[in-house]
Amino acid sequence: MNRLFRTAAPIGLALLLLACSKPAPQPEPVRMVRTLTVAPASVSGSQTFAAEIRARSEVRLGFRVGGKLASRRAEVGQRVKVGDVLALLDPEDLKLSQQAAQAAVQAARVNQDLAQADYRRFKDLRDQGFISGAELDRREAALKAATAQLEQARAQASVQANQAAYASLVATAPGVVVAVEAEPGAVLAAGTPVLRVALDGPRDAVFAVPEDIAAAVRALTGREGALAVTPWGQDARLPAMVREVAAAADPLTRTFLVKADLRASSLQLGQTATVTIARPPASAQALLPLSALRELQGRTAVWVVDPKQSVVRARFIRIGDAQGNEVAVSDGLQPGDIVVTAGVHVLTEGQAVRLPAAAVPAPAAAASR
């Protein structure tokens, strides 16, 4: 019995220790990866931006007096010429003010006539010696004051006549109505915009550029041939020149507004176009999709496949300009390197991977490496 106990005890202890030990770690799975073989590339020397055709000059037309907007005769897209009546204010108050000014002129005229008659009468009395010279001077001063009051009343009447004429909003230059900012029935203060009119004349292609190239675009100001404008749905490339770059970025989009001077004015207002900015071509080691990039230790890296061991190794790279969904690599890669382009977030250093049959390098290529 003791011999049996001495034999079974070590076996039980071994089984107990085996049950309490941690299970062996599972090996990392061999993952199928999508790859790209690095080849020398040249980054395109141009960038394109969406633009809108606008008039060089736009004016916001408003009444020079306040009042209630009675009617509006212009709509968006309507062409106007000089002298066209675009909108009308309710003229009743202005007419009453004009009538009051005319009545004031009549009163001032009567007052002047009376003062002039008094002056003539007192002048005759002074000539006959019945009154003193001081009394005649007072009558002369009253006549001059009445004459000044008459001139003041006439000037005020002219102002009120102009005010009545300002009840009509008239086009001052030919153009196209591009916006309506007030509707009939609204009570407007003097100067409140009612219509926005794009004046006939030069046209601009207006577009926005990001902060990183704003300085380079500003350096192109006044340079002929730096831009080309392609209207939507057309193949024609119209020459343009950078005319103005905004001094400050838009607070929401953080982009800078650029206005390019078009040499051709046949484009319609509001038409969509593509602006191409020519830049010197830059050489690059490769063009990689954005999905191939990852951040490692605060730097940009990619997974490079070791074809001999079929494992991935991290490689730090330096990137340049982006073109759509691709980015130019300026340092860190060599022609022939196999870079993982999908699923980079699930890989670890030294992990075994499996390449599609089409992506496995040929033996000759491997020997040459």
Protein backbone atom coordinates (compact mmCIF):
# COMPACT_ATOMS: atom_id res chain seq x y z
CA MET A 1 0.00 0.00 0.00
CA ASN A 2 2.81 2.37 0.85
CA ARG A 3 4.61 1.39 -2.35
CA LEU A 4 1.46 2.21 -4.34
CA PHE A 5 1.13 5.56 -2.61
CA ARG A 6 4.78 6.40 -3.25
CA THR A 7 4.30 5.62 -6.93
CA ALA A 8 1.02 7.48 -7.42
CA ALA A 9 2.03 10.66 -5.55
CA PRO A 10 4.66 11.83 -8.05
CA ILE A 11 2.36 11.10 -10.94
CA GLY A 12 -0.49 13.12 -9.35
CA LEU A 13 1.84 15.97 -8.56
CA ALA A 14 3.07 16.01 -12.17
CA LEU A 15 -0.49 16.01 -13.47
CA LEU A 16 -1.38 18.87 -11.09
CA LEU A 17 1.58 20.96 -12.24
CA LEU A 18 0.73 20.29 -15.85
CA ALA A 19 -2.85 21.44 -15.32
CA CYS A 20 -1.73 24.70 -13.66
CA SER A 21 0.90 25.62 -16.27
CA LYS A 22 0.08 28.19 -19.02
CA PRO A 23 -0.74 26.86 -22.47
CA ALA A 24 1.94 27.28 -25.13
CA PRO A 25 1.44 30.46 -27.21
CA GLN A 26 -0.12 29.96 -30.58
CA PRO A 27 2.15 30.80 -33.51
CA GLU A 28 1.33 33.92 -35.51
CA PRO A 29 -0.80 33.03 -38.52
CA VAL A 30 0.72 33.31 -41.97
CA ARG A 31 -1.24 36.16 -43.53
CA MET A 32 -1.93 36.69 -47.17
CA VAL A 33 -0.92 40.27 -48.06
CA ARG A 34 -1.35 42.54 -51.03
CA THR A 35 1.91 44.04 -52.19
CA LEU A 36 3.47 46.45 -54.64
CA THR A 37 6.95 46.15 -56.13
CA VAL A 38 8.78 49.46 -56.04
CA ALA A 39 9.72 50.95 -59.38
CA PRO A 40 11.25 54.38 -60.11
CA ALA A 41 8.56 57.00 -60.66
CA SER A 42 8.29 60.64 -61.63
CA VAL A 43 5.79 62.79 -59.78
CA SER A 44 3.58 64.85 -62.04
CA GLY A 45 4.50 68.53 -62.20
CA SER A 46 0.93 69.82 -62.15
CA GLN A 47 -1.98 70.07 -59.75
CA THR A 48 -5.65 70.58 -60.53
CA PHE A 49 -8.37 72.39 -58.61
CA ALA A 50 -12.09 72.92 -59.13
CA ALA A 51 -12.92 76.53 -59.99
CA GLU A 52 -15.92 78.76 -60.62
CA ILE A 53 -16.13 81.48 -63.25
CA ARG A 54 -17.00 84.85 -61.70
CA ALA A 55 -17.08 88.44 -62.84
CA ARG A 56 -14.09 90.59 -62.07
CA SER A 57 -16.38 93.22 -60.52
CA GLU A 58 -19.62 92.71 -58.63
CA VAL A 59 -21.72 95.48 -57.09
CA ARG A 60 -24.39 95.30 -54.41
CA LEU A 61 -27.11 97.73 -55.32
CA GLY A 62 -29.21 99.33 -52.59
CA PHE A 63 -31.44 102.36 -52.15
CA ARG A 64 -29.88 105.62 -51.02
CA VAL A 65 -32.86 106.21 -48.73
CA GLY A 66 -34.75 104.01 -46.32
CA GLY A 67 -38.28 102.76 -46.82
CA LYS A 68 -40.52 99.79 -47.57
CA LEU A 69 -39.65 97.77 -50.67
CA ALA A 70 -42.77 97.97 -52.84
CA SER A 71 -41.69 95.90 -55.86
CA ARG A 72 -38.70 94.22 -57.46
CA ARG A 73 -38.43 93.99 -61.23
CA ALA A 74 -35.21 91.97 -61.60
CA GLU A 75 -34.60 88.27 -61.09
CA VAL A 76 -31.47 86.13 -60.85
CA GLY A 77 -29.89 85.62 -64.26
CA GLN A 78 -31.58 88.64 -65.84
CA ARG A 79 -29.41 90.93 -67.93
CA VAL A 80 -29.67 94.64 -67.15
CA LYS A 81 -28.43 97.75 -68.87
CA VAL A 82 -27.78 101.29 -67.71
CA GLY A 83 -30.98 103.05 -66.63
CA ASP A 84 -33.11 99.93 -66.08
CA VAL A 85 -35.39 100.26 -63.04
CA LEU A 86 -34.67 97.23 -60.85
CA ALA A 87 -36.78 97.92 -57.74
CA LEU A 88 -39.09 100.53 -56.21
CA LEU A 89 -39.71 101.83 -52.70
CA ASP A 90 -43.08 102.97 -51.37
CA PRO A 91 -42.92 106.68 -52.40
CA GLU A 92 -45.66 108.15 -50.18
CA ASP A 93 -43.44 109.39 -47.34
CA LEU A 94 -40.90 110.76 -49.77
CA LYS A 95 -43.59 112.64 -51.69
CA LEU A 96 -44.92 114.18 -48.49
CA SER A 97 -41.42 115.31 -47.52
CA GLN A 98 -41.00 116.84 -50.96
CA GLN A 99 -44.31 118.70 -50.64
CA ALA A 100 -43.28 120.00 -47.21
CA ALA A 101 -40.01 121.26 -48.65
CA GLN A 102 -41.83 123.06 -51.48
CA ALA A 103 -44.18 124.68 -48.95
CA ALA A 104 -41.18 125.88 -46.97
CA VAL A 105 -39.83 127.49 -50.16
CA GLN A 106 -43.09 129.36 -50.65
CA ALA A 107 -43.07 130.59 -47.04
CA ALA A 108 -39.46 131.76 -47.34
CA ARG A 109 -40.25 133.57 -50.58
CA VAL A 110 -43.17 135.45 -48.96
CA ASN A 111 -40.95 136.37 -46.00
CA GLN A 112 -38.31 137.69 -48.37
CA ASP A 113 -40.84 139.76 -50.33
CA LEU A 114 -42.07 141.34 -47.08
CA ALA A 115 -38.52 142.09 -45.92
CA GLN A 116 -37.68 143.62 -49.28
CA ALA A 117 -40.78 145.85 -49.22
CA ASP A 118 -39.92 147.03 -45.71
CA TYR A 119 -36.39 147.84 -46.77
CA ARG A 120 -37.54 149.95 -49.72
CA ARG A 121 -40.03 151.83 -47.58
CA PHE A 122 -37.55 152.58 -44.81
CA LYS A 123 -34.94 153.56 -47.38
CA ASP A 124 -37.29 156.26 -48.69
CA LEU A 125 -37.91 157.46 -45.13
CA ARG A 126 -34.16 157.55 -44.51
CA ASP A 127 -33.64 159.61 -47.65
CA GLN A 128 -36.25 162.08 -46.37
CA GLY A 129 -34.54 162.20 -42.98
CA PHE A 130 -37.43 160.79 -40.95
CA ILE A 131 -35.47 157.78 -39.57
CA SER A 132 -31.91 157.13 -38.55
CA GLY A 133 -29.38 155.10 -40.50
CA ALA A 134 -29.34 152.43 -37.80
CA GLU A 135 -33.00 151.66 -38.38
CA LEU A 136 -32.34 151.23 -42.12
CA ASP A 137 -29.43 148.88 -41.32
CA ARG A 138 -31.74 146.69 -39.26
CA ARG A 139 -34.17 146.45 -42.18
CA GLU A 140 -31.32 145.59 -44.54
CA ALA A 141 -30.14 142.83 -42.19
CA ALA A 142 -33.69 141.41 -42.03
CA LEU A 143 -33.79 141.36 -45.85
CA LYS A 144 -30.49 139.49 -46.07
CA ALA A 145 -31.67 136.94 -43.48
CA ALA A 146 -34.91 136.39 -45.40
CA THR A 147 -32.94 135.91 -48.64
CA ALA A 148 -30.68 133.35 -46.95
CA GLN A 149 -33.68 131.49 -45.58
CA LEU A 150 -35.14 131.34 -49.08
CA GLU A 151 -31.90 129.87 -50.47
CA GLN A 152 -31.84 127.34 -47.64
CA ALA A 153 -35.44 126.31 -48.35
CA ARG A 154 -34.69 125.93 -52.06
CA ALA A 155 -31.67 123.72 -51.31
CA GLN A 156 -33.71 121.58 -48.95
CA ALA A 157 -36.41 121.25 -51.61
CA SER A 158 -33.76 120.06 -54.10
CA VAL A 159 -32.57 117.46 -51.59
CA GLN A 160 -36.11 116.21 -51.06
CA ALA A 161 -36.63 116.02 -54.82
CA ASN A 162 -33.53 113.87 -55.08
CA GLN A 163 -34.74 111.74 -52.19
CA ALA A 164 -38.01 111.14 -54.03
CA ALA A 165 -36.06 110.10 -57.13
CA TYR A 166 -34.03 107.65 -55.04
CA ALA A 167 -37.18 105.61 -54.53
CA SER A 168 -36.27 103.93 -57.84
CA LEU A 169 -33.27 101.59 -57.86
CA VAL A 170 -31.63 102.05 -61.26
CA ALA A 171 -28.82 100.01 -62.86
CA THR A 172 -25.65 102.05 -63.19
CA ALA A 173 -23.76 99.62 -65.44
CA PRO A 174 -24.60 96.68 -67.72
CA GLY A 175 -24.37 93.22 -66.22
CA VAL A 176 -26.19 90.17 -64.93
CA VAL A 177 -28.15 89.81 -61.69
CA VAL A 178 -26.47 87.04 -59.70
CA ALA A 179 -28.27 87.33 -56.35
CA VAL A 180 -31.42 88.75 -54.77
CA GLU A 181 -31.01 89.88 -51.17
CA ALA A 182 -34.38 91.54 -50.36
CA GLU A 183 -37.99 90.77 -51.14
CA PRO A 184 -41.02 93.10 -51.51
CA GLY A 185 -42.50 94.08 -48.16
CA ALA A 186 -39.19 94.34 -46.34
CA VAL A 187 -38.41 97.62 -44.59
CA LEU A 188 -34.92 98.63 -45.60
CA ALA A 189 -32.42 101.07 -44.19
CA ALA A 190 -30.46 103.27 -46.52
CA GLY A 191 -27.74 101.28 -48.25
CA THR A 192 -29.18 97.82 -47.52
CA PRO A 193 -28.27 95.55 -50.48
CA VAL A 194 -31.22 94.52 -52.64
CA LEU A 195 -29.52 92.98 -55.68
CA ARG A 196 -26.03 91.81 -56.56
CA VAL A 197 -25.02 92.45 -60.15
CA ALA A 198 -21.98 90.99 -61.92
CA LEU A 199 -20.74 93.66 -64.27
CA ASP A 200 -19.83 92.93 -67.86
CA GLY A 201 -16.11 92.79 -68.53
CA PRO A 202 -13.19 90.57 -67.51
CA ARG A 203 -13.82 87.19 -65.93
CA ASP A 204 -11.92 85.40 -63.15
CA ALA A 205 -11.54 81.72 -62.33
CA VAL A 206 -11.90 81.52 -58.54
CA PHE A 207 -10.63 78.47 -56.64
CA ALA A 208 -9.14 77.53 -53.26
CA VAL A 209 -5.72 76.05 -52.54
CA PRO A 210 -4.44 74.40 -49.33
CA GLU A 211 -2.02 76.11 -46.98
CA ASP A 212 1.02 74.11 -48.03
CA ILE A 213 1.06 75.47 -51.59
CA ALA A 214 -0.41 78.94 -51.01
CA ALA A 215 3.04 80.54 -50.98
CA ALA A 216 4.03 78.80 -54.21
CA VAL A 217 0.83 79.93 -55.93
CA ARG A 218 1.34 83.49 -54.66
CA ALA A 219 4.80 83.44 -56.28
CA LEU A 220 3.09 82.81 -59.66
CA THR A 221 1.19 86.14 -59.49
CA GLY A 222 1.49 87.97 -62.79
CA ARG A 223 3.34 85.14 -64.52
CA GLU A 224 2.00 84.27 -67.95
CA GLY A 225 1.21 80.62 -68.69
CA ALA A 226 1.37 79.48 -65.07
CA LEU A 227 -2.28 78.38 -65.12
CA ALA A 228 -4.58 76.70 -67.61
CA VAL A 229 -8.37 76.67 -67.27
CA THR A 230 -10.42 73.84 -68.76
CA PRO A 231 -14.20 74.47 -68.84
CA TRP A 232 -16.37 71.60 -67.65
CA GLY A 233 -17.15 69.17 -70.47
CA GLN A 234 -14.66 70.74 -72.87
CA ASP A 235 -11.14 69.91 -73.98
CA ALA A 236 -10.01 73.49 -74.56
CA ARG A 237 -7.29 74.79 -72.23
CA LEU A 238 -7.55 78.55 -71.79
CA PRO A 239 -4.50 80.48 -70.56
CA ALA A 240 -4.84 82.28 -67.24
CA MET A 241 -2.70 84.20 -64.79
CA VAL A 242 -2.81 84.42 -61.00
CA ARG A 243 -4.19 87.88 -60.22
CA GLU A 244 -4.85 87.73 -56.48
CA VAL A 245 -4.29 85.37 -53.54
CA ALA A 246 -6.12 85.92 -50.27
CA ALA A 247 -3.93 87.26 -47.48
CA ALA A 248 -5.61 85.09 -44.84
CA ALA A 249 -6.96 81.54 -44.85
CA ASP A 250 -10.65 80.81 -44.63
CA PRO A 251 -11.40 80.12 -40.93
CA LEU A 252 -13.50 77.03 -41.72
CA THR A 253 -11.71 75.32 -44.62
CA ARG A 254 -8.19 76.66 -43.91
CA THR A 255 -7.72 77.28 -47.64
CA PHE A 256 -6.67 80.41 -49.52
CA LEU A 257 -8.91 81.90 -52.20
CA VAL A 258 -7.17 82.48 -55.53
CA LYS A 259 -8.45 84.62 -58.41
CA ALA A 260 -7.00 83.89 -61.84
CA ASP A 261 -7.35 86.36 -64.69
CA LEU A 262 -8.87 84.73 -67.76
CA ARG A 263 -7.66 85.92 -71.12
CA ALA A 264 -10.94 84.82 -72.72
CA SER A 265 -14.25 86.27 -71.53
CA SER A 266 -16.55 83.91 -73.46
CA LEU A 267 -17.20 81.71 -70.41
CA GLN A 268 -20.54 82.03 -68.65
CA LEU A 269 -20.86 83.27 -65.10
CA GLY A 270 -21.07 80.45 -62.59
CA GLN A 271 -19.64 77.92 -65.03
CA THR A 272 -17.50 75.15 -63.51
CA ALA A 273 -13.94 74.69 -64.68
CA THR A 274 -10.71 72.94 -63.75
CA VAL A 275 -7.59 74.98 -63.06
CA THR A 276 -4.24 73.30 -63.70
CA ILE A 277 -1.17 74.75 -61.99
CA ALA A 278 2.07 73.87 -63.73
CA ARG A 279 4.94 72.98 -61.42
CA PRO A 280 8.43 71.58 -62.17
CA PRO A 281 8.38 67.74 -62.16
CA ALA A 282 10.07 66.09 -59.19
CA SER A 283 11.68 62.66 -59.18
CA ALA A 284 10.51 60.14 -56.59
CA GLN A 285 11.52 56.66 -55.58
CA ALA A 286 7.97 55.38 -55.78
CA LEU A 287 4.29 56.22 -55.69
CA LEU A 288 2.52 54.30 -52.92
CA PRO A 289 -1.17 54.17 -52.02
CA LEU A 290 -2.09 55.84 -48.76
CA SER A 291 -3.20 52.46 -47.40
CA ALA A 292 0.45 51.33 -47.31
CA LEU A 293 1.49 53.94 -44.76
CA ARG A 294 1.55 53.52 -41.00
CA GLU A 295 2.92 55.51 -38.08
CA LEU A 296 5.73 53.97 -36.04
CA GLN A 297 7.55 55.83 -33.26
CA GLY A 298 6.15 59.10 -34.54
CA ARG A 299 7.52 58.52 -38.06
CA THR A 300 6.07 57.28 -41.31
CA ALA A 301 6.86 53.66 -42.11
CA VAL A 302 5.86 50.81 -44.43
CA TRP A 303 6.07 47.03 -44.23
CA VAL A 304 8.67 45.60 -46.63
CA VAL A 305 8.57 41.86 -47.40
CA ASP A 306 11.79 39.86 -47.12
CA PRO A 307 11.37 37.45 -50.06
CA LYS A 308 13.93 34.95 -48.70
CA GLN A 309 12.28 34.46 -45.32
CA SER A 310 8.72 35.56 -46.32
CA VAL A 311 8.46 37.90 -43.32
CA VAL A 312 7.77 41.62 -43.06
CA ARG A 313 10.16 44.25 -41.77
CA ALA A 314 9.34 47.87 -40.86
CA ARG A 315 11.04 50.48 -43.03
CA PHE A 316 11.01 54.20 -42.26
CA ILE A 317 10.41 56.40 -45.30
CA ARG A 318 10.18 60.07 -46.19
CA ILE A 319 7.12 61.17 -48.13
CA GLY A 320 6.52 64.13 -50.41
CA ASP A 321 3.50 65.49 -52.25
CA ALA A 322 0.22 63.62 -52.44
CA GLN A 323 -1.60 63.00 -55.71
CA GLY A 324 -5.15 61.82 -55.13
CA ASN A 325 -4.93 58.52 -53.21
CA GLU A 326 -1.19 58.15 -53.77
CA VAL A 327 1.82 59.70 -52.09
CA ALA A 328 5.33 60.17 -53.43
CA VAL A 329 8.19 58.52 -51.49
CA SER A 330 11.39 60.51 -51.65
CA ASP A 331 13.63 58.40 -49.41
CA GLY A 332 13.72 55.00 -47.73
CA LEU A 333 12.93 52.58 -50.58
CA GLN A 334 14.87 50.98 -53.42
CA PRO A 335 13.67 49.63 -56.77
CA GLY A 336 12.56 46.03 -56.32
CA ASP A 337 11.41 46.39 -52.72
CA ILE A 338 8.11 44.61 -52.06
CA VAL A 339 5.82 46.88 -50.01
CA VAL A 340 2.61 45.73 -48.30
CA THR A 341 -0.28 47.92 -49.46
CA ALA A 342 -3.26 46.57 -47.50
CA GLY A 343 -3.87 45.32 -43.96
CA VAL A 344 -0.78 47.00 -42.51
CA HIS A 345 -2.47 47.55 -39.13
CA VAL A 346 -2.66 43.79 -38.36
CA LEU A 347 0.99 42.98 -39.08
CA THR A 348 3.88 42.82 -36.60
CA GLU A 349 7.64 42.91 -36.98
CA GLY A 350 8.95 39.62 -38.37
CA GLN A 351 5.51 38.16 -39.04
CA ALA A 352 5.35 35.49 -41.72
CA VAL A 353 3.31 36.42 -44.76
CA ARG A 354 2.28 34.78 -47.98
CA LEU A 355 2.28 36.57 -51.31
CA PRO A 356 -0.11 35.96 -54.17
CA ALA A 357 1.44 33.86 -56.92
CA ALA A 358 1.63 36.85 -59.26
CA ALA A 359 3.57 38.90 -56.67
CA VAL A 360 6.34 36.31 -55.97
CA PRO A 361 9.60 37.52 -57.53
CA ALA A 362 11.10 35.39 -60.23
CA PRO A 363 14.21 33.38 -59.31
CA ALA A 364 16.38 35.45 -61.66
CA ALA A 365 15.22 38.64 -60.05
CA ALA A 366 15.88 37.22 -56.61
CA ALA A 367 19.38 36.14 -57.66
CA SER A 368 20.12 39.59 -59.03
CA ARG A 369 19.21 41.09 -55.68
